[in-house]
Structure formats: structure tokens, C-alpha cells
N, C-alpha and C. Protein backbone atom coordinates (compact mmCIF):
# COMPACT_ATOMS: atom_id res chain seq x y z
N MET A 1 -19.34 2.60 -9.19
CA MET A 1 -18.06 2.25 -9.78
C MET A 1 -17.47 3.47 -10.47
N ALA A 2 -16.15 3.58 -10.42
CA ALA A 2 -15.44 4.70 -11.02
C ALA A 2 -15.57 4.67 -12.54
N ASP A 3 -15.48 5.85 -13.16
CA ASP A 3 -15.55 5.94 -14.62
C ASP A 3 -14.26 5.44 -15.26
N ILE A 4 -13.13 5.67 -14.60
CA ILE A 4 -11.83 5.22 -15.10
C ILE A 4 -11.14 4.46 -13.97
N VAL A 5 -10.68 3.25 -14.27
CA VAL A 5 -9.97 2.43 -13.30
C VAL A 5 -8.72 1.87 -13.98
N LEU A 6 -7.56 2.14 -13.40
CA LEU A 6 -6.30 1.60 -13.91
C LEU A 6 -5.57 0.92 -12.77
N ASN A 7 -5.13 -0.29 -12.99
CA ASN A 7 -4.36 -1.03 -12.00
C ASN A 7 -3.15 -1.64 -12.68
N ARG A 8 -2.02 -1.59 -12.01
CA ARG A 8 -0.78 -2.16 -12.52
C ARG A 8 -0.03 -2.86 -11.41
N THR A 9 0.69 -3.89 -11.78
CA THR A 9 1.64 -4.47 -10.85
C THR A 9 2.98 -3.81 -11.12
N HIS A 10 3.85 -3.81 -10.12
CA HIS A 10 5.18 -3.24 -10.30
C HIS A 10 6.17 -4.01 -9.44
N ALA A 11 7.45 -3.81 -9.72
CA ALA A 11 8.50 -4.50 -8.97
C ALA A 11 9.42 -3.50 -8.25
N PHE A 12 8.95 -2.27 -8.09
CA PHE A 12 9.75 -1.25 -7.41
C PHE A 12 9.68 -1.42 -5.90
N PRO A 13 10.75 -1.05 -5.19
CA PRO A 13 10.63 -0.97 -3.73
C PRO A 13 9.54 0.04 -3.38
N LEU A 14 8.88 -0.14 -2.26
CA LEU A 14 7.74 0.70 -1.90
C LEU A 14 8.10 2.18 -1.88
N ASP A 15 9.26 2.54 -1.34
CA ASP A 15 9.63 3.96 -1.29
C ASP A 15 9.74 4.57 -2.68
N ILE A 16 10.28 3.82 -3.62
CA ILE A 16 10.39 4.32 -5.00
C ILE A 16 9.01 4.40 -5.63
N ALA A 17 8.16 3.42 -5.40
CA ALA A 17 6.80 3.44 -5.95
C ALA A 17 6.01 4.63 -5.41
N LYS A 18 6.18 4.91 -4.11
CA LYS A 18 5.49 6.08 -3.52
C LYS A 18 6.01 7.37 -4.16
N ALA A 19 7.31 7.46 -4.39
CA ALA A 19 7.89 8.66 -5.01
C ALA A 19 7.38 8.82 -6.44
N LYS A 20 7.25 7.74 -7.17
CA LYS A 20 6.73 7.79 -8.53
C LYS A 20 5.28 8.27 -8.53
N MET A 21 4.48 7.75 -7.61
CA MET A 21 3.09 8.17 -7.53
C MET A 21 3.02 9.65 -7.16
N ALA A 22 3.82 10.08 -6.20
CA ALA A 22 3.82 11.49 -5.79
C ALA A 22 4.22 12.39 -6.95
N ARG A 23 5.24 11.99 -7.71
CA ARG A 23 5.68 12.78 -8.85
C ARG A 23 4.56 12.89 -9.89
N MET A 24 3.86 11.79 -10.13
CA MET A 24 2.79 11.79 -11.11
C MET A 24 1.64 12.71 -10.66
N VAL A 25 1.23 12.60 -9.40
CA VAL A 25 0.12 13.41 -8.90
C VAL A 25 0.51 14.89 -8.89
N GLU A 26 1.70 15.21 -8.41
CA GLU A 26 2.14 16.61 -8.34
C GLU A 26 2.32 17.21 -9.73
N SER A 27 2.82 16.43 -10.68
CA SER A 27 2.98 16.91 -12.05
C SER A 27 1.63 17.26 -12.65
N PHE A 28 0.64 16.40 -12.45
CA PHE A 28 -0.70 16.68 -12.96
C PHE A 28 -1.25 17.96 -12.34
N LYS A 29 -1.07 18.10 -11.04
CA LYS A 29 -1.56 19.28 -10.33
C LYS A 29 -0.88 20.54 -10.85
N ASN A 30 0.42 20.49 -11.05
CA ASN A 30 1.17 21.66 -11.51
C ASN A 30 0.87 22.02 -12.96
N LYS A 31 0.62 21.03 -13.79
CA LYS A 31 0.31 21.28 -15.20
C LYS A 31 -1.13 21.76 -15.40
N ASN A 32 -1.98 21.53 -14.42
CA ASN A 32 -3.42 21.86 -14.54
C ASN A 32 -3.90 22.61 -13.30
N PRO A 33 -3.31 23.78 -13.00
CA PRO A 33 -3.64 24.45 -11.74
C PRO A 33 -5.11 24.86 -11.60
N GLY A 34 -5.78 25.17 -12.67
CA GLY A 34 -7.18 25.55 -12.59
C GLY A 34 -8.12 24.37 -12.57
N PHE A 35 -7.58 23.19 -12.80
CA PHE A 35 -8.39 21.99 -12.91
C PHE A 35 -8.43 21.20 -11.59
N VAL A 36 -7.35 21.26 -10.84
CA VAL A 36 -7.23 20.52 -9.58
C VAL A 36 -7.47 21.47 -8.41
N ASP A 37 -8.47 21.17 -7.61
CA ASP A 37 -8.78 22.01 -6.45
C ASP A 37 -7.98 21.61 -5.22
N ASN A 38 -7.82 20.30 -5.01
CA ASN A 38 -7.20 19.84 -3.77
C ASN A 38 -6.56 18.47 -3.97
N VAL A 39 -5.41 18.29 -3.31
CA VAL A 39 -4.78 16.97 -3.23
C VAL A 39 -4.50 16.70 -1.77
N SER A 40 -4.96 15.58 -1.27
CA SER A 40 -4.69 15.21 0.12
C SER A 40 -4.00 13.85 0.14
N TRP A 41 -3.01 13.74 1.01
CA TRP A 41 -2.19 12.53 1.11
C TRP A 41 -2.43 11.82 2.43
N ALA A 42 -2.39 10.50 2.40
CA ALA A 42 -2.40 9.71 3.63
C ALA A 42 -1.05 9.91 4.31
N GLU A 43 -1.02 9.78 5.61
CA GLU A 43 0.22 9.98 6.37
C GLU A 43 1.35 9.09 5.90
N ASP A 44 1.04 7.87 5.51
CA ASP A 44 2.09 6.94 5.08
C ASP A 44 2.53 7.15 3.63
N GLY A 45 1.88 8.05 2.90
CA GLY A 45 2.24 8.34 1.52
C GLY A 45 1.84 7.27 0.52
N CYS A 46 1.06 6.30 0.95
CA CYS A 46 0.66 5.20 0.07
C CYS A 46 -0.64 5.48 -0.68
N SER A 47 -1.31 6.56 -0.35
CA SER A 47 -2.54 6.90 -1.07
C SER A 47 -2.74 8.40 -1.06
N ALA A 48 -3.49 8.84 -2.06
CA ALA A 48 -3.80 10.26 -2.20
C ALA A 48 -5.18 10.39 -2.84
N ALA A 49 -5.81 11.50 -2.59
CA ALA A 49 -7.08 11.83 -3.23
C ALA A 49 -6.92 13.20 -3.86
N ALA A 50 -7.33 13.32 -5.11
CA ALA A 50 -7.30 14.60 -5.80
C ALA A 50 -8.71 14.92 -6.26
N THR A 51 -9.11 16.16 -6.07
CA THR A 51 -10.45 16.57 -6.48
C THR A 51 -10.36 17.82 -7.34
N GLY A 52 -11.36 17.99 -8.17
CA GLY A 52 -11.44 19.16 -9.02
C GLY A 52 -12.88 19.42 -9.41
N LYS A 53 -13.05 20.39 -10.26
CA LYS A 53 -14.39 20.78 -10.67
C LYS A 53 -15.11 19.67 -11.44
N MET A 54 -14.31 18.84 -12.15
CA MET A 54 -14.93 17.84 -13.01
C MET A 54 -14.58 16.40 -12.65
N PHE A 55 -13.90 16.20 -11.50
CA PHE A 55 -13.49 14.84 -11.17
C PHE A 55 -13.18 14.68 -9.68
N ASP A 56 -13.20 13.46 -9.22
CA ASP A 56 -12.67 13.01 -7.93
C ASP A 56 -11.81 11.81 -8.27
N SER A 57 -10.61 11.74 -7.69
CA SER A 57 -9.74 10.60 -7.99
C SER A 57 -9.06 10.09 -6.73
N ARG A 58 -8.70 8.81 -6.80
CA ARG A 58 -8.01 8.16 -5.69
C ARG A 58 -6.83 7.39 -6.25
N PHE A 59 -5.66 7.60 -5.64
CA PHE A 59 -4.43 6.92 -6.04
C PHE A 59 -3.98 6.05 -4.88
N LYS A 60 -3.44 4.87 -5.20
CA LYS A 60 -3.02 3.96 -4.14
C LYS A 60 -1.84 3.14 -4.64
N VAL A 61 -0.84 3.00 -3.79
CA VAL A 61 0.31 2.18 -4.13
C VAL A 61 0.60 1.23 -2.98
N SER A 62 1.04 0.02 -3.34
CA SER A 62 1.46 -0.96 -2.33
C SER A 62 2.82 -1.50 -2.78
N GLU A 63 3.29 -2.51 -2.10
CA GLU A 63 4.59 -3.08 -2.45
C GLU A 63 4.59 -3.75 -3.82
N SER A 64 3.44 -4.06 -4.36
CA SER A 64 3.41 -4.73 -5.66
C SER A 64 2.39 -4.17 -6.66
N THR A 65 1.55 -3.22 -6.24
CA THR A 65 0.53 -2.70 -7.16
C THR A 65 0.43 -1.18 -7.09
N PHE A 66 -0.08 -0.62 -8.17
CA PHE A 66 -0.43 0.79 -8.23
C PHE A 66 -1.81 0.85 -8.85
N GLY A 67 -2.66 1.73 -8.32
CA GLY A 67 -3.99 1.87 -8.88
C GLY A 67 -4.49 3.30 -8.80
N VAL A 68 -5.34 3.64 -9.74
CA VAL A 68 -6.00 4.95 -9.73
C VAL A 68 -7.44 4.74 -10.19
N GLU A 69 -8.34 5.45 -9.52
CA GLU A 69 -9.76 5.45 -9.89
C GLU A 69 -10.19 6.89 -10.03
N VAL A 70 -10.96 7.17 -11.08
CA VAL A 70 -11.41 8.53 -11.34
C VAL A 70 -12.92 8.52 -11.54
N ASP A 71 -13.61 9.36 -10.79
CA ASP A 71 -15.04 9.59 -10.98
C ASP A 71 -15.17 10.91 -11.73
N LEU A 72 -15.80 10.88 -12.88
CA LEU A 72 -16.00 12.10 -13.67
C LEU A 72 -17.32 12.74 -13.28
N LYS A 73 -17.30 14.07 -13.14
CA LYS A 73 -18.50 14.81 -12.73
C LYS A 73 -19.03 15.61 -13.90
N GLY A 74 -20.26 15.38 -14.23
CA GLY A 74 -20.93 16.18 -15.24
C GLY A 74 -20.81 15.62 -16.65
N PHE A 75 -21.69 16.09 -17.49
CA PHE A 75 -21.81 15.61 -18.86
C PHE A 75 -20.54 15.89 -19.67
N ALA A 76 -20.00 17.10 -19.56
CA ALA A 76 -18.80 17.47 -20.33
C ALA A 76 -17.62 16.58 -19.96
N ALA A 77 -17.45 16.31 -18.69
CA ALA A 77 -16.34 15.45 -18.25
C ALA A 77 -16.52 14.03 -18.79
N LYS A 78 -17.73 13.55 -18.77
CA LYS A 78 -17.98 12.19 -19.26
C LYS A 78 -17.75 12.11 -20.77
N LEU A 79 -18.02 13.20 -21.51
CA LEU A 79 -17.73 13.23 -22.94
C LEU A 79 -16.23 13.15 -23.21
N ALA A 80 -15.43 13.67 -22.30
CA ALA A 80 -13.97 13.68 -22.46
C ALA A 80 -13.31 12.45 -21.84
N LYS A 81 -14.09 11.47 -21.47
CA LYS A 81 -13.55 10.28 -20.79
C LYS A 81 -12.44 9.62 -21.59
N GLY A 82 -12.64 9.40 -22.86
CA GLY A 82 -11.64 8.72 -23.68
C GLY A 82 -10.31 9.45 -23.68
N MET A 83 -10.35 10.75 -23.84
CA MET A 83 -9.13 11.57 -23.85
C MET A 83 -8.46 11.52 -22.47
N ALA A 84 -9.25 11.66 -21.42
CA ALA A 84 -8.69 11.64 -20.06
C ALA A 84 -8.08 10.27 -19.76
N GLN A 85 -8.74 9.21 -20.15
CA GLN A 85 -8.23 7.87 -19.88
C GLN A 85 -6.94 7.63 -20.65
N SER A 86 -6.87 8.02 -21.90
CA SER A 86 -5.65 7.85 -22.70
C SER A 86 -4.47 8.60 -22.08
N ARG A 87 -4.72 9.82 -21.67
CA ARG A 87 -3.67 10.63 -21.06
C ARG A 87 -3.19 9.99 -19.75
N LEU A 88 -4.13 9.53 -18.95
CA LEU A 88 -3.77 8.89 -17.69
C LEU A 88 -3.01 7.59 -17.93
N GLU A 89 -3.44 6.80 -18.90
CA GLU A 89 -2.74 5.56 -19.21
C GLU A 89 -1.30 5.81 -19.64
N ARG A 90 -1.07 6.85 -20.45
CA ARG A 90 0.31 7.19 -20.87
C ARG A 90 1.15 7.60 -19.68
N THR A 91 0.59 8.41 -18.79
CA THR A 91 1.33 8.87 -17.63
C THR A 91 1.67 7.71 -16.69
N VAL A 92 0.71 6.85 -16.47
CA VAL A 92 0.94 5.68 -15.60
C VAL A 92 2.00 4.77 -16.25
N ALA A 93 1.93 4.57 -17.55
CA ALA A 93 2.90 3.71 -18.24
C ALA A 93 4.32 4.27 -18.13
N GLU A 94 4.45 5.59 -18.09
CA GLU A 94 5.78 6.19 -17.94
C GLU A 94 6.35 5.92 -16.57
N GLU A 95 5.55 6.03 -15.54
CA GLU A 95 6.03 5.85 -14.16
C GLU A 95 6.06 4.39 -13.74
N PHE A 96 5.10 3.61 -14.23
CA PHE A 96 5.00 2.19 -13.85
C PHE A 96 4.95 1.34 -15.11
N PRO A 97 6.08 1.23 -15.82
CA PRO A 97 6.06 0.45 -17.07
C PRO A 97 5.82 -1.04 -16.79
N VAL A 98 5.22 -1.69 -17.76
CA VAL A 98 4.90 -3.11 -17.60
C VAL A 98 6.15 -3.94 -17.84
């Protein structure tokens, strides 16, 4: 099971939800260039995987839900879980408000 799991429902059209997810993933990558090694997208744009030195993550959006799962790698990453989860929750709340 992932160390961090966030799921939300949303009422956005799928194209807008995909754009919101893409903006969130790309913003994280751009703000943390040394932290993110790779981002790969599914052809339909409904899911992405991001990997780095201290994490593996999976993002997924559908017509009614958005979800992200993060696996933390190593002791230091697991110690920072609370901070990482809070930051991710704020970012998700900005793009997918309840």
C-alpha cells in the first residue's frame, strides 16, 4: 500500500480535470527539478507516473474522481511524510476543491 493516498471527487468536465492534473504535476516537476527524475503520461492523459530519488507516484483522473498515490523511498523520505502529505493536500485542494 502507498504511503500517501489522496482521493477526491470532482464535477469538472474530463478535459478540464486532465488539464488541472497536468498543471499540478508539471508545476511540481518545475519547482523541484532535482527531486523529480521522470514523468510519464498515458496516451489518453488520464494518468501519469512521476518518479524521483525518494518517491514513486501515480496520478489518475476520471470523469468524477482524482487520485494520487505516493510511495516514499528510504528512511529520510518516510520521516518527511507529514510535510509531503500536507503540501500535496494543499496542492490538490487548490486544483480540485471540495
